[in-house]
Every structure is written in structure tokens, then in C-alpha cells.
Protein backbone atom coordinates (compact mmCIF):
# COMPACT_ATOMS: atom_id res chain seq x y z
CA MET A 1 -0.10 -0.04 -0.10
CA ARG A 2 2.79 2.39 0.93
CA LYS A 3 4.54 1.71 -2.39
CA LYS A 4 1.41 2.44 -4.23
CA ILE A 5 1.03 5.74 -2.55
CA LEU A 6 4.65 6.58 -3.13
CA ARG A 7 4.42 5.88 -6.75
CA SER A 8 1.18 7.98 -7.11
CA VAL A 9 2.87 10.92 -5.56
CA ALA A 10 6.00 10.46 -7.72
CA GLN A 11 3.83 10.46 -10.89
CA VAL A 12 2.39 13.89 -9.85
CA PHE A 13 5.50 15.63 -8.76
CA LEU A 14 8.51 14.27 -10.75
CA PRO A 15 7.33 14.98 -14.21
CA PRO A 16 7.18 18.84 -13.71
CA VAL A 17 10.53 18.63 -11.82
CA ILE A 18 12.21 16.61 -14.67
CA GLY A 19 10.77 18.83 -17.37
CA ALA A 20 12.12 21.96 -15.60
CA TRP A 21 15.51 20.28 -15.42
CA MET A 22 15.52 19.38 -19.05
CA TRP A 23 14.85 22.96 -19.95
CA PHE A 24 17.55 24.24 -17.62
CA LEU A 25 20.13 21.86 -19.24
CA TYR A 26 19.10 22.92 -22.70
CA LEU A 27 19.15 26.52 -22.01
CA THR A 28 22.51 26.60 -20.22
CA ASN A 29 24.26 24.61 -22.93
CA LYS A 30 25.43 26.02 -26.27
CA LYS A 31 23.71 24.15 -29.12
CA ARG A 32 25.52 22.91 -32.14
CA TRP A 33 23.13 21.73 -34.88
CA HIS A 34 23.92 19.17 -37.55
CA LEU A 35 20.72 18.89 -39.38
CA SER A 36 19.80 17.28 -42.59
CA SER A 37 18.11 19.35 -45.22
CA GLY A 38 16.23 16.24 -46.38
CA VAL A 39 13.84 15.57 -43.42
CA PRO A 40 10.67 14.77 -45.15
CA ASP A 41 7.39 16.67 -44.93
CA THR A 42 5.57 13.33 -44.97
CA PRO A 43 5.52 10.95 -41.96
CA PHE A 44 8.57 9.12 -40.88
CA VAL A 45 10.05 6.90 -38.01
CA VAL A 46 12.40 8.59 -35.65
CA THR A 47 14.99 6.55 -33.73
CA PHE A 48 17.51 7.55 -31.02
CA TRP A 49 19.48 5.47 -28.43
CA HIS A 50 17.94 4.98 -25.03
CA CYS A 51 20.92 6.52 -23.30
CA GLU A 52 20.33 9.85 -25.38
CA LEU A 53 16.57 10.21 -24.99
CA LEU A 54 16.77 12.95 -22.31
CA MET A 55 17.21 15.77 -24.87
CA ALA A 56 16.26 14.07 -28.17
CA HIS A 57 12.91 15.77 -28.41
CA PHE A 58 14.67 19.25 -28.78
CA ALA A 59 16.37 17.98 -32.01
CA TYR A 60 13.03 16.73 -33.29
CA LYS A 61 11.21 19.93 -32.65
CA LYS A 62 13.95 21.77 -34.57
CA VAL A 63 13.32 19.94 -37.80
CA ALA A 64 9.67 18.75 -37.74
CA ASN A 65 6.34 20.34 -36.89
CA ARG A 66 4.44 17.18 -37.31
CA ASP A 67 2.97 15.61 -34.15
CA VAL A 68 5.11 12.61 -32.87
CA ASN A 69 4.20 9.58 -30.83
CA VAL A 70 6.98 8.17 -28.73
CA MET A 71 6.93 4.50 -27.90
CA ILE A 72 7.18 4.05 -24.13
CA SER A 73 7.06 0.71 -22.32
CA ASP A 74 4.31 -0.02 -19.94
CA HIS A 75 5.94 0.11 -16.46
CA PHE A 76 6.37 2.69 -13.60
CA ASP A 77 9.45 4.49 -15.12
CA GLY A 78 7.50 4.51 -18.42
CA GLU A 79 4.59 6.19 -16.80
CA ILE A 80 6.87 9.00 -15.43
CA ILE A 81 8.44 9.44 -18.96
CA ALA A 82 5.02 9.49 -20.49
CA LYS A 83 3.74 12.31 -18.20
CA THR A 84 7.06 14.24 -18.68
CA ILE A 85 7.12 14.17 -22.50
CA SER A 86 3.32 15.12 -22.63
CA MET A 87 4.32 18.49 -21.10
CA PHE A 88 6.42 19.01 -24.32
CA GLY A 89 3.51 18.24 -26.61
CA ILE A 90 4.66 14.71 -27.31
CA LYS A 91 2.21 11.92 -27.37
CA PRO A 92 3.05 8.69 -25.53
CA LEU A 93 2.38 5.42 -27.36
CA ARG A 94 2.45 2.89 -24.47
CA GLY A 95 4.07 -0.50 -25.13
CA SER A 96 7.40 -1.85 -26.59
CA SER A 97 8.67 -4.42 -29.10
CA ARG A 98 9.17 -6.71 -26.06
CA LYS A 99 5.83 -6.29 -24.25
CA GLY A 100 2.46 -5.57 -25.97
CA ALA A 101 4.23 -5.63 -29.31
CA ALA A 102 1.22 -6.35 -31.37
CA ARG A 103 -0.79 -3.50 -29.77
CA VAL A 104 1.83 -0.82 -30.13
CA LEU A 105 2.83 -1.92 -33.66
CA MET A 106 -0.80 -1.42 -34.76
CA GLY A 107 -1.00 1.96 -32.85
CA ALA A 108 2.27 3.14 -34.53
CA ILE A 109 1.03 2.31 -38.02
CA LYS A 110 -2.31 3.99 -37.28
CA ALA A 111 -0.55 7.05 -36.17
CA ILE A 112 1.57 7.22 -39.39
CA ARG A 113 -1.56 6.53 -41.56
CA GLU A 114 -3.09 9.60 -39.76
CA GLY A 115 -0.13 11.81 -40.67
CA GLU A 116 1.86 11.76 -37.68
CA ASN A 117 5.46 10.54 -36.87
CA VAL A 118 6.54 7.72 -34.49
CA ALA A 119 9.73 7.72 -32.47
CA LEU A 120 11.32 4.87 -30.42
CA THR A 121 14.56 3.55 -28.93
CA PRO A 122 15.63 0.42 -30.87
CA ASP A 123 17.61 -0.79 -27.77
CA GLY A 124 14.94 0.15 -25.18
CA PRO A 125 13.51 -0.60 -22.71
CA ILE A 126 15.98 -3.19 -21.31
CA GLY A 127 18.78 -3.34 -23.93
CA PRO A 128 21.31 -4.76 -24.66
CA ARG A 129 22.81 -1.23 -25.08
CA HIS A 130 23.06 -0.07 -28.76
CA SER A 131 21.18 -3.13 -30.03
CA VAL A 132 18.55 -2.82 -32.68
CA SER A 133 15.24 -4.60 -32.08
CA ASP A 134 12.67 -5.19 -35.00
CA GLY A 135 10.38 -2.34 -34.04
CA ALA A 136 11.68 0.70 -36.11
CA VAL A 137 12.23 -1.43 -39.26
CA THR A 138 9.00 -3.30 -39.01
CA ILE A 139 6.88 -0.07 -38.62
CA ALA A 140 8.82 1.71 -41.34
CA ALA A 141 8.52 -1.29 -43.82
CA LYS A 142 4.72 -1.85 -43.10
CA SER A 143 4.09 1.87 -43.36
CA GLY A 144 6.37 2.50 -46.23
CA VAL A 145 8.13 5.53 -44.72
CA PRO A 146 11.74 6.28 -44.14
CA ILE A 147 13.63 6.39 -40.86
CA VAL A 148 15.39 9.45 -39.53
CA VAL A 149 18.12 9.02 -36.79
CA ILE A 150 18.65 11.66 -33.87
CA ASN A 151 21.85 11.64 -31.86
CA VAL A 152 22.50 13.82 -28.82
CA VAL A 153 26.16 14.29 -27.83
CA PRO A 154 26.97 16.47 -24.89
CA GLU A 155 30.47 18.04 -24.54
CA LYS A 156 30.41 17.34 -20.73
CA TYR A 157 27.99 14.85 -19.14
CA TRP A 158 27.28 12.53 -16.29
CA GLN A 159 26.74 8.80 -17.29
CA ALA A 160 24.73 6.45 -15.19
CA LYS A 161 25.83 2.85 -14.33
CA SER A 162 22.55 1.44 -15.76
CA TRP A 163 22.43 -0.95 -18.61
CA ASP A 164 22.22 1.85 -21.13
CA ARG A 165 24.82 4.11 -19.43
CA PHE A 166 22.13 6.82 -19.46
CA VAL A 167 23.58 10.33 -20.46
CA ILE A 168 22.77 13.61 -18.59
CA PRO A 169 24.43 16.61 -20.05
CA LYS A 170 26.11 18.86 -17.50
CA PRO A 171 25.06 22.66 -17.58
CA PHE A 172 27.27 25.37 -19.08
CA GLY A 173 28.85 23.15 -21.80
CA ALA A 174 27.84 22.42 -25.42
CA ILE A 175 25.48 19.83 -26.96
CA ASP A 176 25.88 18.56 -30.52
CA PHE A 177 22.46 17.69 -31.95
CA TYR A 178 22.61 15.38 -35.08
CA VAL A 179 19.66 14.65 -37.38
CA SER A 180 20.33 12.35 -40.26
CA ASP A 181 19.12 12.07 -43.79
CA PRO A 182 16.18 9.86 -44.26
CA ILE A 183 17.07 6.11 -44.45
CA ASP A 184 15.08 4.26 -47.09
CA ILE A 185 14.81 0.59 -46.21
CA LYS A 186 12.47 -0.42 -49.07
CA GLY A 187 13.70 -3.61 -50.69
CA LEU A 188 15.99 -4.63 -47.76
CA GLN A 189 15.55 -7.85 -45.78
CA LYS A 190 14.76 -7.30 -42.07
CA ASP A 191 18.40 -8.13 -41.00
CA GLU A 192 19.82 -5.88 -43.72
CA ALA A 193 17.66 -2.96 -42.56
CA LYS A 194 18.53 -3.46 -39.00
CA SER A 195 22.33 -3.55 -39.73
CA LEU A 196 22.02 -0.35 -41.76
CA LEU A 197 20.08 1.39 -39.08
CA LYS A 198 22.45 0.36 -36.37
CA GLU A 199 25.52 1.59 -38.52
CA ARG A 200 23.78 5.01 -38.98
CA MET A 201 22.86 5.29 -35.41
CA LEU A 202 26.52 4.60 -34.25
CA GLU A 203 28.04 7.31 -36.44
CA HIS A 204 27.60 10.00 -33.85
CA ALA A 205 26.68 7.94 -30.75
CA VAL A 206 27.88 8.70 -27.12
CA GLY A 207 30.47 6.08 -26.29
């Protein structure tokens, strides 16, 4: 009972605190933008590594005005993340390629057909770090849309000892935001598409 109460309290108070902290880190860092000029005006799939997700939405908002649905797993941490990103006008799409895969896949394809984008971390929610699950390439292939990669690389950062070695930028430094050219996976086998996506995602990844 106590655990349930503490979680309920956390769900109310943590999202605005985390959201304020994200804005603080963003505003106190110099931004270096490395943006593709070819980001499509039509729907696409967005990918970024789980360890870099804290600031990824700032890069997305820089290049796209289209609504985006972010795939977030169905657990307590996911609930906190969902409430936090909602404050930035981002829609949570609950589930992952490992849990509730069919439901979230249908939700993602539906969102794309309605003219919105879908974003996910191919190595989330439990890793292994920098691995690529089927989710992104499956959604892109079934929807007939390209994939755009976002990387967020702080000059100075704290790095957690979690499975993903989660990255938190330190204030008063600089952050490099990378947005790739669209990756077209049409005609590729699933393993070929996953290999290509991983290669592109590692080009500017935090070590």
C-alpha cells in the first residue's frame, strides 16, 4: 500500500521537476546543430538510443512540426516518462517491441496513416545497449516510410551505471544535435535494414 502511494505521489511531482531540469540543461548549454536538409514533410519513423533520450525531443522539434508519438514501455518508469514528455506536446504510445508488441505496432502504423510520426529507442526498454530490435524497421517497412536518426552528444555529461549508461548533460557546456538524412529501407531484408540502421545510429553515438 505504501509503495502504491509513493508511486502515485511520484507520478504527480516528478514530471514537472524533470521537465524543468531538461529545460535548464538545454538553455544553459550551447547548441551545435547538424541537421539534414532532407527531413521529409511526410510521416517518418524517428530513432535515437535509449541513453540519449533525455534531450532528443529538442532536436526533433527543430526539424519537424508534425505531431510525434513516442513508444514508451508499460511500467512505472515509463509512466513517469510519458507524463514528462506530454508536457512538451509529445504523445506517448504505450508498449514496446518486447511487451504488448502487437498492440503498439498497430498503434504506430495507425498514427503514421493519420499523418503523424512515430519515435522509439531500438535498444529500449531493457537493452542490450546499442542493439536494434525489430520495431523501427518493421513499422517503417509496413508503413512505407523512411527512418530518421537523432543523436544527442553533450560535450560534458554524467553517465549512469545503468544498462544503457544513460547520459545527462552537464550545464554550461555544449551539446551537438545530429539529425540524419532519411534512411530508405525499401527492398531490404529485415536483418539488412537493422544492420544499416545500427550503422547509421552509431555514427555519432555517445560512447
